[in-house]
Amino acid sequence: MGICPICNGFEQYITQCQNCGSRMENMGREAEYYDDYSPYMPIDEMKLEDGYPKNLQNGECPHLFVCPQCGKNQVMMIKE
């Protein structure tokens, strides 16, 4: 089990919107938005069901980023 540097506050990830060039906001782990109970499930267990077949194996944490200007969203794989 890896440690995500963004989830644990060690680092910030800055990315620009591919649509309008604005700075995107990190909204947290994408899996937290699946249902009411997903934020409370073990992270490695969610990685088995989140639709990214190799994120557990590759030590990646899928984070959702949203552009506050145009609303575009994008999932970025953060290396643990």
N, C-alpha and C. Protein backbone atom coordinates (compact mmCIF):
# COMPACT_ATOMS: atom_id res chain seq x y z
N MET A 1 0.84 -1.18 0.00
CA MET A 1 0.00 0.00 0.00
C MET A 1 0.89 1.24 0.00
N GLY A 2 0.68 2.12 -0.98
CA GLY A 2 1.43 3.35 -1.07
C GLY A 2 0.75 4.48 -0.31
N ILE A 3 1.45 5.57 -0.23
CA ILE A 3 0.91 6.76 0.44
C ILE A 3 0.81 7.86 -0.60
N CYS A 4 -0.39 8.34 -0.85
CA CYS A 4 -0.59 9.40 -1.82
C CYS A 4 -0.11 10.72 -1.21
N PRO A 5 0.81 11.42 -1.89
CA PRO A 5 1.32 12.67 -1.34
C PRO A 5 0.28 13.79 -1.30
N ILE A 6 -0.73 13.71 -2.14
CA ILE A 6 -1.78 14.74 -2.12
C ILE A 6 -2.80 14.44 -1.02
N CYS A 7 -3.24 13.20 -0.92
CA CYS A 7 -4.20 12.84 0.13
C CYS A 7 -3.64 13.12 1.52
N ASN A 8 -2.33 12.97 1.68
CA ASN A 8 -1.71 13.14 2.98
C ASN A 8 -1.11 14.51 3.20
N GLY A 9 -1.32 15.43 2.26
CA GLY A 9 -0.90 16.82 2.44
C GLY A 9 0.60 17.07 2.31
N PHE A 10 1.34 16.12 1.73
CA PHE A 10 2.79 16.30 1.55
C PHE A 10 3.10 17.19 0.36
N GLU A 11 2.24 17.17 -0.64
CA GLU A 11 2.46 17.91 -1.88
C GLU A 11 1.14 18.49 -2.39
N GLN A 12 1.27 19.45 -3.27
CA GLN A 12 0.13 19.95 -4.03
C GLN A 12 0.39 19.63 -5.49
N TYR A 13 -0.64 19.38 -6.22
CA TYR A 13 -0.52 19.09 -7.65
C TYR A 13 -1.22 20.21 -8.39
N ILE A 14 -0.51 20.87 -9.25
CA ILE A 14 -1.08 21.98 -10.01
C ILE A 14 -1.15 21.58 -11.48
N THR A 15 -2.32 21.74 -12.05
CA THR A 15 -2.49 21.44 -13.47
C THR A 15 -3.43 22.48 -14.08
N GLN A 16 -3.23 22.70 -15.35
CA GLN A 16 -4.05 23.67 -16.07
C GLN A 16 -5.10 22.96 -16.89
N CYS A 17 -6.25 23.59 -17.01
CA CYS A 17 -7.35 23.07 -17.81
C CYS A 17 -6.94 23.02 -19.27
N GLN A 18 -7.16 21.88 -19.89
CA GLN A 18 -6.85 21.73 -21.31
C GLN A 18 -7.85 22.47 -22.18
N ASN A 19 -8.98 22.84 -21.61
CA ASN A 19 -10.02 23.52 -22.35
C ASN A 19 -9.81 25.04 -22.38
N CYS A 20 -9.55 25.66 -21.21
CA CYS A 20 -9.48 27.12 -21.15
C CYS A 20 -8.16 27.66 -20.57
N GLY A 21 -7.31 26.79 -20.04
CA GLY A 21 -6.02 27.21 -19.51
C GLY A 21 -6.02 27.67 -18.07
N SER A 22 -7.18 27.68 -17.40
CA SER A 22 -7.25 28.08 -16.00
C SER A 22 -6.67 26.99 -15.10
N ARG A 23 -6.31 27.38 -13.89
CA ARG A 23 -5.80 26.42 -12.92
C ARG A 23 -6.96 25.58 -12.39
N MET A 24 -6.79 24.26 -12.43
CA MET A 24 -7.83 23.35 -11.98
C MET A 24 -7.72 23.13 -10.47
N GLU A 25 -8.84 22.82 -9.84
CA GLU A 25 -8.88 22.58 -8.41
C GLU A 25 -8.96 21.09 -8.13
N ASN A 26 -8.16 20.62 -7.17
CA ASN A 26 -8.19 19.23 -6.75
C ASN A 26 -9.42 19.02 -5.87
N MET A 27 -10.27 18.09 -6.25
CA MET A 27 -11.49 17.81 -5.50
C MET A 27 -11.36 16.55 -4.65
N GLY A 28 -10.18 15.95 -4.62
CA GLY A 28 -9.95 14.74 -3.81
C GLY A 28 -9.97 13.48 -4.66
N ARG A 29 -9.94 12.36 -3.96
CA ARG A 29 -9.96 11.07 -4.66
C ARG A 29 -11.27 10.91 -5.42
N GLU A 30 -11.16 10.48 -6.64
CA GLU A 30 -12.36 10.29 -7.46
C GLU A 30 -13.33 9.29 -6.82
N ALA A 31 -12.81 8.26 -6.19
CA ALA A 31 -13.66 7.21 -5.61
C ALA A 31 -14.57 7.74 -4.51
N GLU A 32 -14.24 8.87 -3.91
CA GLU A 32 -15.08 9.43 -2.86
C GLU A 32 -16.43 9.91 -3.38
N TYR A 33 -16.57 10.03 -4.69
CA TYR A 33 -17.81 10.53 -5.29
C TYR A 33 -18.72 9.42 -5.82
N TYR A 34 -18.34 8.16 -5.64
CA TYR A 34 -19.13 7.06 -6.19
C TYR A 34 -20.49 6.90 -5.51
N ASP A 35 -20.49 6.88 -4.19
CA ASP A 35 -21.75 6.77 -3.44
C ASP A 35 -21.53 7.28 -2.02
N ASP A 36 -22.55 7.22 -1.21
CA ASP A 36 -22.47 7.77 0.15
C ASP A 36 -21.42 7.09 1.03
N TYR A 37 -21.12 5.83 0.76
CA TYR A 37 -20.21 5.08 1.63
C TYR A 37 -18.77 5.02 1.11
N SER A 38 -18.53 5.40 -0.14
CA SER A 38 -17.18 5.28 -0.70
C SER A 38 -16.09 6.02 0.07
N PRO A 39 -16.33 7.20 0.64
CA PRO A 39 -15.25 7.84 1.39
C PRO A 39 -14.81 7.05 2.62
N TYR A 40 -15.64 6.12 3.07
CA TYR A 40 -15.34 5.38 4.29
C TYR A 40 -14.77 3.99 4.02
N MET A 41 -14.71 3.59 2.76
CA MET A 41 -14.18 2.27 2.42
C MET A 41 -12.65 2.33 2.36
N PRO A 42 -11.99 1.20 2.64
CA PRO A 42 -10.53 1.17 2.54
C PRO A 42 -10.08 1.53 1.13
N ILE A 43 -9.06 2.35 1.05
CA ILE A 43 -8.60 2.86 -0.25
C ILE A 43 -8.20 1.73 -1.19
N ASP A 44 -7.42 0.76 -0.72
CA ASP A 44 -6.99 -0.33 -1.60
C ASP A 44 -8.17 -1.18 -2.07
N GLU A 45 -9.19 -1.30 -1.25
CA GLU A 45 -10.39 -2.03 -1.65
C GLU A 45 -11.13 -1.28 -2.76
N MET A 46 -11.22 0.03 -2.64
CA MET A 46 -11.88 0.84 -3.68
C MET A 46 -11.11 0.77 -5.00
N LYS A 47 -9.78 0.67 -4.90
CA LYS A 47 -8.98 0.60 -6.12
C LYS A 47 -9.26 -0.67 -6.93
N LEU A 48 -9.79 -1.69 -6.29
CA LEU A 48 -10.13 -2.92 -7.00
C LEU A 48 -11.42 -2.77 -7.78
N GLU A 49 -12.22 -1.74 -7.47
CA GLU A 49 -13.54 -1.58 -8.06
C GLU A 49 -13.74 -0.26 -8.79
N ASP A 50 -12.70 0.56 -8.93
CA ASP A 50 -12.90 1.92 -9.43
C ASP A 50 -12.81 2.08 -10.95
N GLY A 51 -12.59 1.00 -11.67
CA GLY A 51 -12.54 1.09 -13.12
C GLY A 51 -11.17 1.36 -13.70
N TYR A 52 -10.16 1.46 -12.84
CA TYR A 52 -8.78 1.63 -13.29
C TYR A 52 -8.04 0.34 -12.94
N PRO A 53 -7.92 -0.58 -13.89
CA PRO A 53 -7.45 -1.93 -13.56
C PRO A 53 -6.03 -2.02 -12.99
N LYS A 54 -5.20 -1.03 -13.21
CA LYS A 54 -3.81 -1.16 -12.76
C LYS A 54 -3.40 -0.13 -11.71
N ASN A 55 -4.33 0.66 -11.19
CA ASN A 55 -3.91 1.70 -10.25
C ASN A 55 -3.39 1.14 -8.93
N LEU A 56 -3.93 0.04 -8.44
CA LEU A 56 -3.40 -0.58 -7.22
C LEU A 56 -2.02 -1.16 -7.50
N GLN A 57 -1.90 -1.88 -8.59
CA GLN A 57 -0.63 -2.50 -8.98
C GLN A 57 0.45 -1.45 -9.25
N ASN A 58 0.07 -0.33 -9.88
CA ASN A 58 1.03 0.71 -10.24
C ASN A 58 1.26 1.74 -9.13
N GLY A 59 0.54 1.64 -8.03
CA GLY A 59 0.69 2.59 -6.93
C GLY A 59 0.25 3.99 -7.32
N GLU A 60 -0.96 4.09 -7.89
CA GLU A 60 -1.50 5.37 -8.33
C GLU A 60 -2.81 5.67 -7.62
N CYS A 61 -3.04 6.94 -7.35
CA CYS A 61 -4.26 7.39 -6.68
C CYS A 61 -5.01 8.32 -7.64
N PRO A 62 -6.19 7.93 -8.13
CA PRO A 62 -6.96 8.77 -9.06
C PRO A 62 -7.61 9.96 -8.34
N HIS A 63 -7.22 11.15 -8.72
CA HIS A 63 -7.79 12.38 -8.15
C HIS A 63 -8.60 13.12 -9.20
N LEU A 64 -9.71 13.67 -8.76
CA LEU A 64 -10.59 14.44 -9.63
C LEU A 64 -10.20 15.92 -9.55
N PHE A 65 -9.96 16.52 -10.70
CA PHE A 65 -9.66 17.94 -10.81
C PHE A 65 -10.77 18.59 -11.62
N VAL A 66 -11.21 19.77 -11.18
CA VAL A 66 -12.30 20.49 -11.83
C VAL A 66 -11.85 21.91 -12.11
N CYS A 67 -12.19 22.43 -13.29
CA CYS A 67 -11.87 23.79 -13.65
C CYS A 67 -12.99 24.71 -13.15
N PRO A 68 -12.66 25.70 -12.31
CA PRO A 68 -13.70 26.59 -11.80
C PRO A 68 -14.23 27.57 -12.85
N GLN A 69 -13.51 27.72 -13.95
CA GLN A 69 -13.94 28.66 -15.00
C GLN A 69 -14.92 28.03 -15.98
N CYS A 70 -14.54 26.86 -16.54
CA CYS A 70 -15.39 26.28 -17.59
C CYS A 70 -16.10 25.00 -17.17
N GLY A 71 -15.74 24.46 -15.97
CA GLY A 71 -16.43 23.27 -15.47
C GLY A 71 -15.88 21.95 -15.95
N LYS A 72 -14.86 21.96 -16.79
CA LYS A 72 -14.28 20.70 -17.27
C LYS A 72 -13.71 19.93 -16.08
N ASN A 73 -13.89 18.61 -16.10
CA ASN A 73 -13.26 17.79 -15.06
C ASN A 73 -12.34 16.77 -15.69
N GLN A 74 -11.35 16.35 -14.91
CA GLN A 74 -10.34 15.44 -15.41
C GLN A 74 -9.80 14.63 -14.24
N VAL A 75 -9.57 13.35 -14.47
CA VAL A 75 -8.98 12.48 -13.46
C VAL A 75 -7.49 12.39 -13.75
N MET A 76 -6.69 12.67 -12.73
CA MET A 76 -5.23 12.59 -12.85
C MET A 76 -4.76 11.46 -11.94
N MET A 77 -3.88 10.62 -12.44
CA MET A 77 -3.32 9.54 -11.65
C MET A 77 -2.09 10.06 -10.92
N ILE A 78 -2.13 10.09 -9.61
CA ILE A 78 -1.06 10.61 -8.79
C ILE A 78 -0.22 9.44 -8.27
N LYS A 79 1.08 9.49 -8.51
CA LYS A 79 1.98 8.42 -8.09
C LYS A 79 2.14 8.44 -6.57
N GLU A 80 1.94 7.27 -5.97
CA GLU A 80 2.07 7.14 -4.50
C GLU A 80 3.52 6.89 -4.13
